[in-house]
Amino acid sequence: MQHKKQFEQPPRRVALFVTCMVDMIYPQVGRAAVQLLEEQGVEVIFPEDQTCCGQPAFNSGYHDEAVPLARHFVDVFHPLIASGQAEAIVLPSGSCATMTSHFHLELLENDPAYLKRSKELAAVTFELTEFLVDVLEAQVPEAHLPGKVAYHACCHLLRELRIDEQPRSLLAESGLDMVDMTGSDECCGFGGLFAVKNEPISVAMGNAKLTSIEACGADHVVMCDVSCMTHLQGLLQRQDRRCRAMHIAEALASRHPKADGEFNTPAQSKAPDVGDRPRRWQDVGTN
């Protein structure tokens, strides 16, 4: 396990590594993550030069092609940490947190200068629920979603990072109507390119998960990775199931129903205009 920095005081400013899928497909998850952090008094900066962490190439065996992406991650985030502009890096993804804090070290093992800086970043890189619970000891505001909610433990988060109690405790204390799901720690069948190269097996594993979801009566199944969420949501939607998959940040950031009866979640609210409230990420690289 990678050693994590022990903070004397809870960090007050973090850099968000939003991940590719959140950036390109699910911006509402990024907004929800920012909301949860800001509710704890944490200022969030967003370095706009961030790109893919290299996980797809790495998992496909293209390690040489992943090295420049690992170096770029160091180039973007290390100056922020070294200068004190940010005290930690937070990701709404267990798989990308695993990549940046574990496998980047493997990719850069023959590059001493980058390896040293990568190790320094790994010590202050946290998956979102890990940061909220282990670092901030956060008490999140009461969340509101209609219906019952089940939790699915994504593989990288559970098996690589050994993070399980943190998301479960946040959900248990959120006020959501949680239900236990049999096999919640079993793989959903996504596995990145595994779902492409081994589609029949991937779909069979996903359908087994849908059987567990149906059995527990959940209206929402929440998880910490949008990749697994995409896989399960695709199966749920194509089979016309009533349950919907949701990232844990969106679930925890859902608030009281509005006057029209809809629940106020980041997915339903529009992105804030730049002029609505100054954000520190606008200042990064301008000084």
C-alpha atoms as a PDB file:
ATOM      1  CA  MET A   1       0.000   0.000   0.000  1.00  0.00           C
ATOM      2  CA  GLN A   2       1.223   3.491  -0.858  1.00  0.00           C
ATOM      3  CA  HIS A   3       2.068   5.626   2.177  1.00  0.00           C
ATOM      4  CA  LYS A   4      -0.312   8.567   2.506  1.00  0.00           C
ATOM      5  CA  LYS A   5       0.625  11.900   4.013  1.00  0.00           C
ATOM      6  CA  GLN A   6      -0.734  12.574   7.486  1.00  0.00           C
ATOM      7  CA  PHE A   7      -1.954  16.161   7.636  1.00  0.00           C
ATOM      8  CA  GLU A   8      -1.599  18.122  10.872  1.00  0.00           C
ATOM      9  CA  GLN A   9      -4.598  20.187   9.800  1.00  0.00           C
ATOM     10  CA  PRO A  10      -7.244  19.192   7.241  1.00  0.00           C
ATOM     11  CA  PRO A  11      -6.320  20.535   3.793  1.00  0.00           C
ATOM     12  CA  ARG A  12      -8.176  23.679   2.816  1.00  0.00           C
ATOM     13  CA  ARG A  13      -7.274  23.688  -0.891  1.00  0.00           C
ATOM     14  CA  VAL A  14      -7.114  20.715  -3.263  1.00  0.00           C
ATOM     15  CA  ALA A  15      -6.573  20.110  -6.956  1.00  0.00           C
ATOM     16  CA  LEU A  16      -9.291  18.153  -8.712  1.00  0.00           C
ATOM     17  CA  PHE A  17      -8.189  15.514 -11.222  1.00  0.00           C
ATOM     18  CA  VAL A  18     -11.549  15.072 -12.852  1.00  0.00           C
ATOM     19  CA  THR A  19     -10.745  12.042 -15.132  1.00  0.00           C
ATOM     20  CA  CYS A  20     -11.532  11.694 -18.837  1.00  0.00           C
ATOM     21  CA  MET A  21     -15.014  10.211 -18.633  1.00  0.00           C
ATOM     22  CA  VAL A  22     -16.229  12.794 -16.136  1.00  0.00           C
ATOM     23  CA  ASP A  23     -14.735  15.585 -18.222  1.00  0.00           C
ATOM     24  CA  MET A  24     -16.152  14.398 -21.535  1.00  0.00           C
ATOM     25  CA  ILE A  25     -19.380  12.586 -20.611  1.00  0.00           C
ATOM     26  CA  TYR A  26     -20.447  13.185 -16.992  1.00  0.00           C
ATOM     27  CA  PRO A  27     -19.577  16.771 -15.987  1.00  0.00           C
ATOM     28  CA  GLN A  28     -22.353  16.640 -13.386  1.00  0.00           C
ATOM     29  CA  VAL A  29     -20.230  14.156 -11.415  1.00  0.00           C
ATOM     30  CA  GLY A  30     -17.385  16.648 -11.333  1.00  0.00           C
ATOM     31  CA  ARG A  31     -19.746  19.389 -10.178  1.00  0.00           C
ATOM     32  CA  ALA A  32     -21.098  17.104  -7.456  1.00  0.00           C
ATOM     33  CA  ALA A  33     -17.576  16.300  -6.268  1.00  0.00           C
ATOM     34  CA  VAL A  34     -16.754  20.012  -6.094  1.00  0.00           C
ATOM     35  CA  GLN A  35     -19.993  20.646  -4.198  1.00  0.00           C
ATOM     36  CA  LEU A  36     -19.162  18.010  -1.585  1.00  0.00           C
ATOM     37  CA  LEU A  37     -15.662  19.400  -1.092  1.00  0.00           C
ATOM     38  CA  GLU A  38     -16.806  23.018  -0.912  1.00  0.00           C
ATOM     39  CA  GLU A  39     -19.461  22.102   1.646  1.00  0.00           C
ATOM     40  CA  GLN A  40     -16.558  20.990   3.859  1.00  0.00           C
ATOM     41  CA  GLY A  41     -14.851  24.353   3.449  1.00  0.00           C
ATOM     42  CA  VAL A  42     -12.323  23.061   0.929  1.00  0.00           C
ATOM     43  CA  GLU A  43     -11.326  25.278  -1.980  1.00  0.00           C
ATOM     44  CA  VAL A  44     -11.051  23.393  -5.275  1.00  0.00           C
ATOM     45  CA  ILE A  45      -8.685  24.324  -8.088  1.00  0.00           C
ATOM     46  CA  PHE A  46      -8.859  22.792 -11.525  1.00  0.00           C
ATOM     47  CA  PRO A  47      -5.664  22.720 -13.592  1.00  0.00           C
ATOM     48  CA  GLU A  48      -6.897  22.944 -17.161  1.00  0.00           C
ATOM     49  CA  ASP A  49      -3.789  21.300 -18.636  1.00  0.00           C
ATOM     50  CA  GLN A  50      -4.709  17.930 -17.119  1.00  0.00           C
ATOM     51  CA  THR A  51      -5.261  15.062 -19.540  1.00  0.00           C
ATOM     52  CA  CYS A  52      -5.739  11.285 -19.418  1.00  0.00           C
ATOM     53  CA  CYS A  53      -3.726   9.492 -16.724  1.00  0.00           C
ATOM     54  CA  GLY A  54      -2.792   6.761 -19.204  1.00  0.00           C
ATOM     55  CA  GLN A  55      -4.858   3.967 -17.702  1.00  0.00           C
ATOM     56  CA  PRO A  56      -6.441   2.690 -20.968  1.00  0.00           C
ATOM     57  CA  ALA A  57      -3.034   2.365 -22.626  1.00  0.00           C
ATOM     58  CA  PHE A  58      -1.473   0.831 -19.511  1.00  0.00           C
ATOM     59  CA  ASN A  59      -4.225  -1.751 -19.089  1.00  0.00           C
ATOM     60  CA  SER A  60      -3.951  -2.644 -22.786  1.00  0.00           C
ATOM     61  CA  GLY A  61      -0.258  -3.400 -22.461  1.00  0.00           C
ATOM     62  CA  TYR A  62       0.930  -0.203 -24.163  1.00  0.00           C
ATOM     63  CA  HIS A  63       3.206   0.832 -21.315  1.00  0.00           C
ATOM     64  CA  ASP A  64       5.613   2.866 -23.431  1.00  0.00           C
ATOM     65  CA  GLU A  65       2.699   4.911 -24.761  1.00  0.00           C
ATOM     66  CA  ALA A  66       1.421   5.487 -21.222  1.00  0.00           C
ATOM     67  CA  VAL A  67       4.730   6.905 -19.950  1.00  0.00           C
ATOM     68  CA  PRO A  68       4.304  10.392 -21.520  1.00  0.00           C
ATOM     69  CA  LEU A  69       0.876  10.661 -19.903  1.00  0.00           C
ATOM     70  CA  ALA A  70       2.302   9.728 -16.508  1.00  0.00           C
ATOM     71  CA  ARG A  71       5.011  12.381 -16.955  1.00  0.00           C
ATOM     72  CA  HIS A  72       2.406  14.939 -17.987  1.00  0.00           C
ATOM     73  CA  PHE A  73       0.405  14.231 -14.837  1.00  0.00           C
ATOM     74  CA  VAL A  74       3.538  14.951 -12.801  1.00  0.00           C
ATOM     75  CA  ASP A  75       4.269  18.110 -14.820  1.00  0.00           C
ATOM     76  CA  VAL A  76       0.765  19.453 -14.216  1.00  0.00           C
ATOM     77  CA  PHE A  77       0.162  18.545 -10.582  1.00  0.00           C
ATOM     78  CA  HIS A  78       3.572  18.517  -8.902  1.00  0.00           C
ATOM     79  CA  PRO A  79       4.130  22.288  -9.197  1.00  0.00           C
ATOM     80  CA  LEU A  80       0.770  22.885  -7.520  1.00  0.00           C
ATOM     81  CA  ILE A  81       1.678  20.648  -4.586  1.00  0.00           C
ATOM     82  CA  ALA A  82       5.296  21.803  -4.331  1.00  0.00           C
ATOM     83  CA  SER A  83       4.298  25.485  -4.354  1.00  0.00           C
ATOM     84  CA  GLY A  84       1.496  25.038  -1.851  1.00  0.00           C
ATOM     85  CA  GLN A  85      -1.212  26.104  -4.309  1.00  0.00           C
ATOM     86  CA  ALA A  86      -2.848  22.762  -3.479  1.00  0.00           C
ATOM     87  CA  GLU A  87      -2.323  20.462  -0.522  1.00  0.00           C
ATOM     88  CA  ALA A  88      -3.803  17.315  -2.035  1.00  0.00           C
ATOM     89  CA  ILE A  89      -5.155  15.840  -5.271  1.00  0.00           C
ATOM     90  CA  VAL A  90      -8.687  14.435  -5.222  1.00  0.00           C
ATOM     91  CA  LEU A  91     -10.269  12.152  -7.842  1.00  0.00           C
ATOM     92  CA  PRO A  92     -13.887  10.964  -8.194  1.00  0.00           C
ATOM     93  CA  SER A  93     -12.579   7.597  -9.409  1.00  0.00           C
ATOM     94  CA  GLY A  94     -10.998   4.590  -7.751  1.00  0.00           C
ATOM     95  CA  SER A  95      -9.480   3.301 -11.000  1.00  0.00           C
ATOM     96  CA  CYS A  96      -7.756   6.563 -11.915  1.00  0.00           C
ATOM     97  CA  ALA A  97      -6.644   7.033  -8.300  1.00  0.00           C
ATOM     98  CA  THR A  98      -5.055   3.589  -8.518  1.00  0.00           C
ATOM     99  CA  MET A  99      -3.354   4.487 -11.781  1.00  0.00           C
ATOM    100  CA  THR A 100      -1.921   7.796 -10.607  1.00  0.00           C
ATOM    101  CA  SER A 101      -0.837   6.696  -7.133  1.00  0.00           C
ATOM    102  CA  HIS A 102       0.325   3.139  -7.888  1.00  0.00           C
ATOM    103  CA  PHE A 103       0.954   2.319 -11.528  1.00  0.00           C
ATOM    104  CA  HIS A 104       2.574   5.633 -12.426  1.00  0.00           C
ATOM    105  CA  LEU A 105       5.366   4.551 -10.091  1.00  0.00           C
ATOM    106  CA  GLU A 106       5.793   1.394 -12.142  1.00  0.00           C
ATOM    107  CA  LEU A 107       5.825   3.303 -15.416  1.00  0.00           C
ATOM    108  CA  LEU A 108       8.408   5.795 -14.139  1.00  0.00           C
ATOM    109  CA  GLU A 109      10.667   3.399 -12.248  1.00  0.00           C
ATOM    110  CA  ASN A 110      13.538   3.946 -14.714  1.00  0.00           C
ATOM    111  CA  ASP A 111      13.231   7.727 -14.621  1.00  0.00           C
ATOM    112  CA  PRO A 112      14.583   8.804 -11.188  1.00  0.00           C
ATOM    113  CA  ALA A 113      13.638  12.479 -11.453  1.00  0.00           C
ATOM    114  CA  TYR A 114      10.034  11.794 -12.429  1.00  0.00           C
ATOM    115  CA  LEU A 115       9.759   8.833 -10.066  1.00  0.00           C
ATOM    116  CA  LYS A 116      10.684  11.001  -7.078  1.00  0.00           C
ATOM    117  CA  ARG A 117       8.037  13.572  -7.910  1.00  0.00           C
ATOM    118  CA  SER A 118       5.480  10.865  -8.715  1.00  0.00           C
ATOM    119  CA  LYS A 119       6.001   9.338  -5.267  1.00  0.00           C
ATOM    120  CA  GLU A 120       5.459  12.750  -3.693  1.00  0.00           C
ATOM    121  CA  LEU A 121       2.191  13.104  -5.596  1.00  0.00           C
ATOM    122  CA  ALA A 122       1.085   9.566  -4.725  1.00  0.00           C
ATOM    123  CA  ALA A 123       1.324  10.431  -1.033  1.00  0.00           C
ATOM    124  CA  VAL A 124      -1.206  13.246  -1.420  1.00  0.00           C
ATOM    125  CA  THR A 125      -3.520  11.663  -4.023  1.00  0.00           C
ATOM    126  CA  PHE A 126      -6.903  10.533  -2.708  1.00  0.00           C
ATOM    127  CA  GLU A 127     -10.077   9.033  -4.098  1.00  0.00           C
ATOM    128  CA  LEU A 128     -13.020  11.286  -3.224  1.00  0.00           C
ATOM    129  CA  THR A 129     -14.662   9.199  -0.471  1.00  0.00           C
ATOM    130  CA  GLU A 130     -11.252   8.334   0.976  1.00  0.00           C
ATOM    131  CA  PHE A 131     -10.464  12.046   1.241  1.00  0.00           C
ATOM    132  CA  LEU A 132     -13.834  12.943   2.749  1.00  0.00           C
ATOM    133  CA  VAL A 133     -13.668  10.237   5.432  1.00  0.00           C
ATOM    134  CA  ASP A 134      -9.988   9.581   6.179  1.00  0.00           C
ATOM    135  CA  VAL A 135      -8.632  13.101   5.747  1.00  0.00           C
ATOM    136  CA  LEU A 136     -11.514  15.486   6.426  1.00  0.00           C
ATOM    137  CA  GLU A 137     -13.555  13.235   8.734  1.00  0.00           C
ATOM    138  CA  ALA A 138     -16.482  14.844   6.957  1.00  0.00           C
ATOM    139  CA  GLN A 139     -20.077  14.974   8.064  1.00  0.00           C
ATOM    140  CA  VAL A 140     -21.926  15.399   4.783  1.00  0.00           C
ATOM    141  CA  PRO A 141     -25.304  17.167   4.678  1.00  0.00           C
ATOM    142  CA  GLU A 142     -28.393  14.997   4.504  1.00  0.00           C
ATOM    143  CA  ALA A 143     -29.004  13.671   1.013  1.00  0.00           C
ATOM    144  CA  HIS A 144     -32.369  13.062  -0.638  1.00  0.00           C
ATOM    145  CA  LEU A 145     -33.185  10.615  -3.415  1.00  0.00           C
ATOM    146  CA  PRO A 146     -36.552   9.005  -4.112  1.00  0.00           C
ATOM    147  CA  GLY A 147     -36.623   5.279  -3.474  1.00  0.00           C
ATOM    148  CA  LYS A 148     -34.141   2.731  -2.216  1.00  0.00           C
ATOM    149  CA  VAL A 149     -30.390   2.891  -2.809  1.00  0.00           C
ATOM    150  CA  ALA A 150     -27.847   0.047  -3.070  1.00  0.00           C
ATOM    151  CA  TYR A 151     -24.050   0.295  -3.207  1.00  0.00           C
ATOM    152  CA  HIS A 152     -21.786  -1.484  -5.704  1.00  0.00           C
ATOM    153  CA  ALA A 153     -18.076  -1.744  -4.781  1.00  0.00           C
ATOM    154  CA  CYS A 154     -15.947  -1.145  -7.876  1.00  0.00           C
ATOM    155  CA  CYS A 155     -12.921  -3.399  -8.290  1.00  0.00           C
ATOM    156  CA  HIS A 156     -10.010  -0.929  -8.371  1.00  0.00           C
ATOM    157  CA  LEU A 157     -11.396   0.897  -5.364  1.00  0.00           C
ATOM    158  CA  LEU A 158     -11.966  -2.264  -3.356  1.00  0.00           C
ATOM    159  CA  ARG A 159      -9.134  -4.520  -4.441  1.00  0.00           C
ATOM    160  CA  GLU A 160      -6.309  -2.140  -5.316  1.00  0.00           C
ATOM    161  CA  LEU A 161      -6.940   0.739  -2.903  1.00  0.00           C
ATOM    162  CA  ARG A 162      -8.664  -1.313  -0.191  1.00  0.00           C
ATOM    163  CA  ILE A 163     -11.328   1.372   0.128  1.00  0.00           C
ATOM    164  CA  ASP A 164     -14.733   0.044   1.145  1.00  0.00           C
ATOM    165  CA  GLU A 165     -15.769   1.312   4.565  1.00  0.00           C
ATOM    166  CA  GLN A 166     -15.434   4.951   3.503  1.00  0.00           C
ATOM    167  CA  PRO A 167     -18.134   5.094   0.801  1.00  0.00           C
ATOM    168  CA  ARG A 168     -20.380   2.781   2.791  1.00  0.00           C
ATOM    169  CA  SER A 169     -20.130   4.952   5.901  1.00  0.00           C
ATOM    170  CA  LEU A 170     -20.893   8.133   3.954  1.00  0.00           C
ATOM    171  CA  LEU A 171     -23.974   6.515   2.446  1.00  0.00           C
ATOM    172  CA  ALA A 172     -25.090   5.072   5.797  1.00  0.00           C
ATOM    173  CA  GLU A 173     -24.938   8.519   7.397  1.00  0.00           C
ATOM    174  CA  SER A 174     -26.457  10.376   4.436  1.00  0.00           C
ATOM    175  CA  GLY A 175     -30.102   9.763   5.250  1.00  0.00           C
ATOM    176  CA  LEU A 176     -30.633   7.812   2.031  1.00  0.00           C
ATOM    177  CA  ASP A 177     -32.796   4.687   2.215  1.00  0.00           C
ATOM    178  CA  MET A 178     -29.981   2.153   1.839  1.00  0.00           C
ATOM    179  CA  VAL A 179     -30.598  -1.535   1.155  1.00  0.00           C
ATOM    180  CA  ASP A 180     -28.100  -4.393   1.256  1.00  0.00           C
ATOM    181  CA  MET A 181     -27.309  -6.004  -2.078  1.00  0.00           C
ATOM    182  CA  THR A 182     -26.073  -9.571  -2.312  1.00  0.00           C
ATOM    183  CA  GLY A 183     -22.718  -9.734  -4.075  1.00  0.00           C
ATOM    184  CA  SER A 184     -22.127  -5.989  -3.803  1.00  0.00           C
ATOM    185  CA  ASP A 185     -18.375  -6.679  -3.903  1.00  0.00           C
ATOM    186  CA  GLU A 186     -18.522  -8.790  -7.067  1.00  0.00           C
ATOM    187  CA  CYS A 187     -17.220  -7.387 -10.367  1.00  0.00           C
ATOM    188  CA  CYS A 188     -19.834  -5.860 -12.668  1.00  0.00           C
ATOM    189  CA  GLY A 189     -17.995  -7.160 -15.739  1.00  0.00           C
ATOM    190  CA  PHE A 190     -16.748  -3.872 -17.155  1.00  0.00           C
ATOM    191  CA  GLY A 191     -12.968  -3.994 -16.727  1.00  0.00           C
ATOM    192  CA  GLY A 192     -12.166  -1.414 -19.408  1.00  0.00           C
ATOM    193  CA  LEU A 193     -11.197  -3.175 -22.633  1.00  0.00           C
ATOM    194  CA  PHE A 194     -12.308  -6.454 -21.063  1.00  0.00           C
ATOM    195  CA  ALA A 195     -15.867  -5.415 -21.910  1.00  0.00           C
ATOM    196  CA  VAL A 196     -14.834  -4.945 -25.552  1.00  0.00           C
ATOM    197  CA  LYS A 197     -12.624  -7.983 -26.039  1.00  0.00           C
ATOM    198  CA  ASN A 198     -14.776 -10.348 -23.964  1.00  0.00           C
ATOM    199  CA  GLU A 199     -18.250  -8.946 -24.512  1.00  0.00           C
ATOM    200  CA  PRO A 200     -20.245 -12.153 -23.797  1.00  0.00           C
ATOM    201  CA  ILE A 201     -18.495 -12.671 -20.449  1.00  0.00           C
ATOM    202  CA  SER A 202     -18.773  -8.983 -19.587  1.00  0.00           C
ATOM    203  CA  VAL A 203     -22.507  -8.930 -20.322  1.00  0.00           C
ATOM    204  CA  ALA A 204     -23.077 -12.141 -18.349  1.00  0.00           C
ATOM    205  CA  MET A 205     -21.301 -10.675 -15.320  1.00  0.00           C
ATOM    206  CA  GLY A 206     -23.300  -7.466 -15.693  1.00  0.00           C
ATOM    207  CA  ASN A 207     -26.560  -9.383 -15.889  1.00  0.00           C
ATOM    208  CA  ALA A 208     -25.656 -11.263 -12.711  1.00  0.00           C
ATOM    209  CA  LYS A 209     -25.227  -7.884 -11.025  1.00  0.00           C
ATOM    210  CA  LEU A 210     -28.607  -6.763 -12.377  1.00  0.00           C
ATOM    211  CA  THR A 211     -30.177  -9.843 -10.803  1.00  0.00           C
ATOM    212  CA  SER A 212     -28.769  -8.791  -7.432  1.00  0.00           C
ATOM    213  CA  ILE A 213     -29.995  -5.230  -7.943  1.00  0.00           C
ATOM    214  CA  GLU A 214     -33.490  -6.456  -8.806  1.00  0.00           C
ATOM    215  CA  ALA A 215     -33.562  -8.787  -5.801  1.00  0.00           C
ATOM    216  CA  CYS A 216     -32.782  -6.042  -3.285  1.00  0.00           C
ATOM    217  CA  GLY A 217     -35.411  -3.702  -4.726  1.00  0.00           C
ATOM    218  CA  ALA A 218     -33.052  -0.778  -5.336  1.00  0.00           C
ATOM    219  CA  ASP A 219     -34.206   2.218  -7.342  1.00  0.00           C
ATOM    220  CA  HIS A 220     -30.635   3.526  -7.561  1.00  0.00           C
ATOM    221  CA  VAL A 221     -27.342   1.666  -7.501  1.00  0.00           C
ATOM    222  CA  VAL A 222     -24.448   3.957  -6.618  1.00  0.00           C
ATOM    223  CA  MET A 223     -20.715   3.475  -7.071  1.00  0.00           C
ATOM    224  CA  CYS A 224     -17.426   5.382  -7.103  1.00  0.00           C
ATOM    225  CA  ASP A 225     -16.449   4.966 -10.777  1.00  0.00           C
ATOM    226  CA  VAL A 226     -18.317   6.275 -13.810  1.00  0.00           C
ATOM    227  CA  SER A 227     -16.860   3.483 -15.965  1.00  0.00           C
ATOM    228  CA  CYS A 228     -18.715   0.776 -14.023  1.00  0.00           C
ATOM    229  CA  MET A 229     -21.686   3.119 -13.841  1.00  0.00           C
ATOM    230  CA  THR A 230     -21.740   3.370 -17.646  1.00  0.00           C
ATOM    231  CA  HIS A 231     -21.609  -0.399 -18.042  1.00  0.00           C
ATOM    232  CA  LEU A 232     -24.435  -1.066 -15.588  1.00  0.00           C
ATOM    233  CA  GLN A 233     -26.562   1.844 -16.779  1.00  0.00           C
ATOM    234  CA  GLY A 234     -26.314   0.578 -20.348  1.00  0.00           C
ATOM    235  CA  LEU A 235     -27.564  -2.854 -19.300  1.00  0.00           C
ATOM    236  CA  LEU A 236     -30.306  -1.402 -17.099  1.00  0.00           C
ATOM    237  CA  GLN A 237     -31.545   0.924 -19.816  1.00  0.00           C
ATOM    238  CA  ARG A 238     -31.455  -1.623 -22.630  1.00  0.00           C
ATOM    239  CA  GLN A 239     -33.437  -4.068 -20.518  1.00  0.00           C
ATOM    240  CA  ASP A 240     -35.907  -1.361 -19.478  1.00  0.00           C
ATOM    241  CA  ARG A 241     -35.182  -1.822 -15.775  1.00  0.00           C
ATOM    242  CA  ARG A 242     -36.504   0.794 -13.377  1.00  0.00           C
ATOM    243  CA  CYS A 243     -33.242   1.055 -11.402  1.00  0.00           C
ATOM    244  CA  ARG A 244     -30.668   3.627 -12.459  1.00  0.00           C
ATOM    245  CA  ALA A 245     -26.907   3.691 -11.883  1.00  0.00           C
ATOM    246  CA  MET A 246     -25.422   6.788 -10.262  1.00  0.00           C
ATOM    247  CA  HIS A 247     -22.028   8.012  -9.096  1.00  0.00           C
ATOM    248  CA  ILE A 248     -21.745   8.323  -5.333  1.00  0.00           C
ATOM    249  CA  ALA A 249     -20.890  12.022  -5.588  1.00  0.00           C
ATOM    250  CA  GLU A 250     -24.236  12.736  -7.231  1.00  0.00           C
ATOM    251  CA  ALA A 251     -26.091  10.672  -4.650  1.00  0.00           C
ATOM    252  CA  LEU A 252     -24.415  12.385  -1.697  1.00  0.00           C
ATOM    253  CA  ALA A 253     -24.865  15.821  -3.282  1.00  0.00           C
ATOM    254  CA  SER A 254     -28.603  15.369  -3.895  1.00  0.00           C
ATOM    255  CA  ARG A 255     -30.634  17.725  -1.752  1.00  0.00           C
ATOM    256  CA  HIS A 256     -34.216  18.486  -0.728  1.00  0.00           C
ATOM    257  CA  PRO A 257     -36.895  18.340  -3.423  1.00  0.00           C
ATOM    258  CA  LYS A 258     -37.679  21.585  -5.201  1.00  0.00           C
ATOM    259  CA  ALA A 259     -41.145  23.085  -5.359  1.00  0.00           C
ATOM    260  CA  ASP A 260     -41.972  21.193  -8.553  1.00  0.00           C
ATOM    261  CA  GLY A 261     -41.262  17.870  -6.839  1.00  0.00           C
ATOM    262  CA  GLU A 262     -37.994  17.162  -8.647  1.00  0.00           C
ATOM    263  CA  PHE A 263     -34.954  16.348  -6.579  1.00  0.00           C
ATOM    264  CA  ASN A 264     -32.179  18.896  -6.788  1.00  0.00           C
ATOM    265  CA  THR A 265     -29.108  16.982  -7.947  1.00  0.00           C
ATOM    266  CA  PRO A 266     -26.096  18.237  -9.878  1.00  0.00           C
ATOM    267  CA  ALA A 267     -27.303  16.203 -12.873  1.00  0.00           C
ATOM    268  CA  GLN A 268     -30.528  18.225 -13.001  1.00  0.00           C
ATOM    269  CA  SER A 269     -29.066  21.653 -12.346  1.00  0.00           C
ATOM    270  CA  LYS A 270     -27.225  23.551 -15.057  1.00  0.00           C
ATOM    271  CA  ALA A 271     -23.532  24.228 -14.774  1.00  0.00           C
ATOM    272  CA  PRO A 272     -22.850  27.480 -12.908  1.00  0.00           C
ATOM    273  CA  ASP A 273     -21.943  30.436 -15.096  1.00  0.00           C
ATOM    274  CA  VAL A 274     -18.407  31.670 -14.710  1.00  0.00           C
ATOM    275  CA  GLY A 275     -19.760  34.914 -13.341  1.00  0.00           C
ATOM    276  CA  ASP A 276     -21.949  33.269 -10.717  1.00  0.00           C
ATOM    277  CA  ARG A 277     -19.125  32.730  -8.264  1.00  0.00           C
ATOM    278  CA  PRO A 278     -15.361  33.047  -8.716  1.00  0.00           C
ATOM    279  CA  ARG A 279     -13.578  29.696  -8.821  1.00  0.00           C
ATOM    280  CA  ARG A 280      -9.917  29.351  -7.963  1.00  0.00           C
ATOM    281  CA  TRP A 281      -9.220  27.100 -10.960  1.00  0.00           C
ATOM    282  CA  GLN A 282      -9.580  30.216 -13.122  1.00  0.00           C
ATOM    283  CA  ASP A 283      -6.480  31.599 -11.456  1.00  0.00           C
ATOM    284  CA  VAL A 284      -4.216  28.612 -12.023  1.00  0.00           C
ATOM    285  CA  GLY A 285      -1.425  29.477 -14.440  1.00  0.00           C
ATOM    286  CA  THR A 286      -2.384  33.146 -14.674  1.00  0.00           C
ATOM    287  CA  ASN A 287       0.025  34.456 -12.046  1.00  0.00           C
END
